[in-house]
Protein backbone atom coordinates (compact mmCIF):
# COMPACT_ATOMS: atom_id res chain seq x y z
CA MET A 1 -19.18 1.18 16.90
CA ILE A 2 -19.98 2.37 13.45
CA TYR A 3 -16.47 1.77 12.20
CA ALA A 4 -16.33 -1.71 13.95
CA LEU A 5 -19.44 -2.87 12.10
CA TYR A 6 -17.96 -1.39 8.89
CA ALA A 7 -14.71 -3.10 9.38
CA GLN A 8 -16.45 -6.40 10.13
CA GLY A 9 -18.36 -6.03 6.81
CA VAL A 10 -21.66 -6.45 8.58
CA PHE A 11 -23.80 -4.61 6.12
CA ASN A 12 -24.37 -5.76 2.63
CA ASN A 13 -21.64 -8.15 2.73
CA GLY A 14 -19.05 -5.44 3.36
CA ASN A 15 -20.25 -3.45 0.39
CA THR A 16 -21.84 -0.48 2.19
CA ASP A 17 -20.07 2.93 2.44
CA ILE A 18 -19.23 4.14 5.78
CA LYS A 19 -21.02 7.40 5.06
CA LEU A 20 -24.30 5.46 4.54
CA ILE A 21 -23.85 3.45 7.78
CA ALA A 22 -23.34 6.74 9.75
CA LYS A 23 -26.33 8.41 8.15
CA THR A 24 -28.43 5.41 8.89
CA PHE A 25 -27.30 5.54 12.55
CA GLU A 26 -28.14 9.23 12.78
CA SER A 27 -31.68 8.70 11.30
CA THR A 28 -32.43 5.59 13.33
CA PHE A 29 -31.23 7.01 16.73
CA ASN A 30 -32.21 10.58 15.88
CA ILE A 31 -28.59 11.87 16.69
CA ASP A 32 -26.10 14.14 14.99
CA LEU A 33 -22.72 12.38 14.69
CA GLY A 34 -20.96 15.38 13.41
CA ASP A 35 -17.62 14.73 11.80
CA PHE A 36 -17.42 10.97 12.43
CA TYR A 37 -14.23 10.63 10.39
CA HIS A 38 -12.53 13.23 12.82
CA THR A 39 -13.86 11.15 15.84
CA PHE A 40 -12.41 8.02 14.32
CA MET A 41 -9.01 9.83 13.81
CA GLU A 42 -9.10 10.91 17.51
CA LEU A 43 -9.76 7.22 18.53
CA LYS A 44 -6.88 6.06 16.42
CA SER A 45 -4.39 8.50 18.09
CA ARG A 46 -5.24 7.33 21.59
CA LYS A 47 -2.20 5.72 23.15
CA ILE A 48 -4.30 3.79 25.77
CA ASN A 49 -7.41 1.70 25.10
CA ARG A 50 -8.49 2.91 21.80
CA THR A 51 -11.68 0.69 21.94
CA LYS A 52 -12.80 1.60 25.45
CA PHE A 53 -16.40 2.01 24.69
CA LEU A 54 -16.68 -1.14 22.66
CA ASP A 55 -14.66 -3.04 25.42
CA SER A 56 -17.15 -1.83 28.07
CA LEU A 57 -20.07 -3.04 25.94
CA CYS A 58 -18.40 -6.52 25.55
CA ASP A 59 -17.72 -6.74 29.32
CA ALA A 60 -21.39 -5.69 30.23
CA LEU A 61 -22.65 -8.33 27.90
CA ILE A 62 -20.47 -11.03 29.38
CA LYS A 63 -21.48 -9.95 32.87
CA LYS A 64 -25.17 -10.21 32.05
CA MET A 65 -24.67 -13.70 30.66
CA ASP A 66 -22.71 -14.84 33.68
CA GLU A 67 -25.35 -13.35 35.99
CA GLU A 68 -28.13 -15.19 34.10
CA ASP A 69 -26.15 -18.46 34.21
CA GLU A 70 -26.14 -18.18 38.00
CA ILE A 71 -29.91 -18.07 38.23
């Protein structure tokens, strides 16, 4: 998610370093991301569904919207 936000240039018109974004996430959510660059490299090397988690977030949001439309 962090790399997706970085790639989209969401923060400071795309002028924010990936390390700062990661550190902000760690602080905000009280988590330790460890070597996030290594994790990104592992995602890149996947042969199937490299964005599995982001895809599932998108699917869940669309499902929620569709459910609310039915009400």
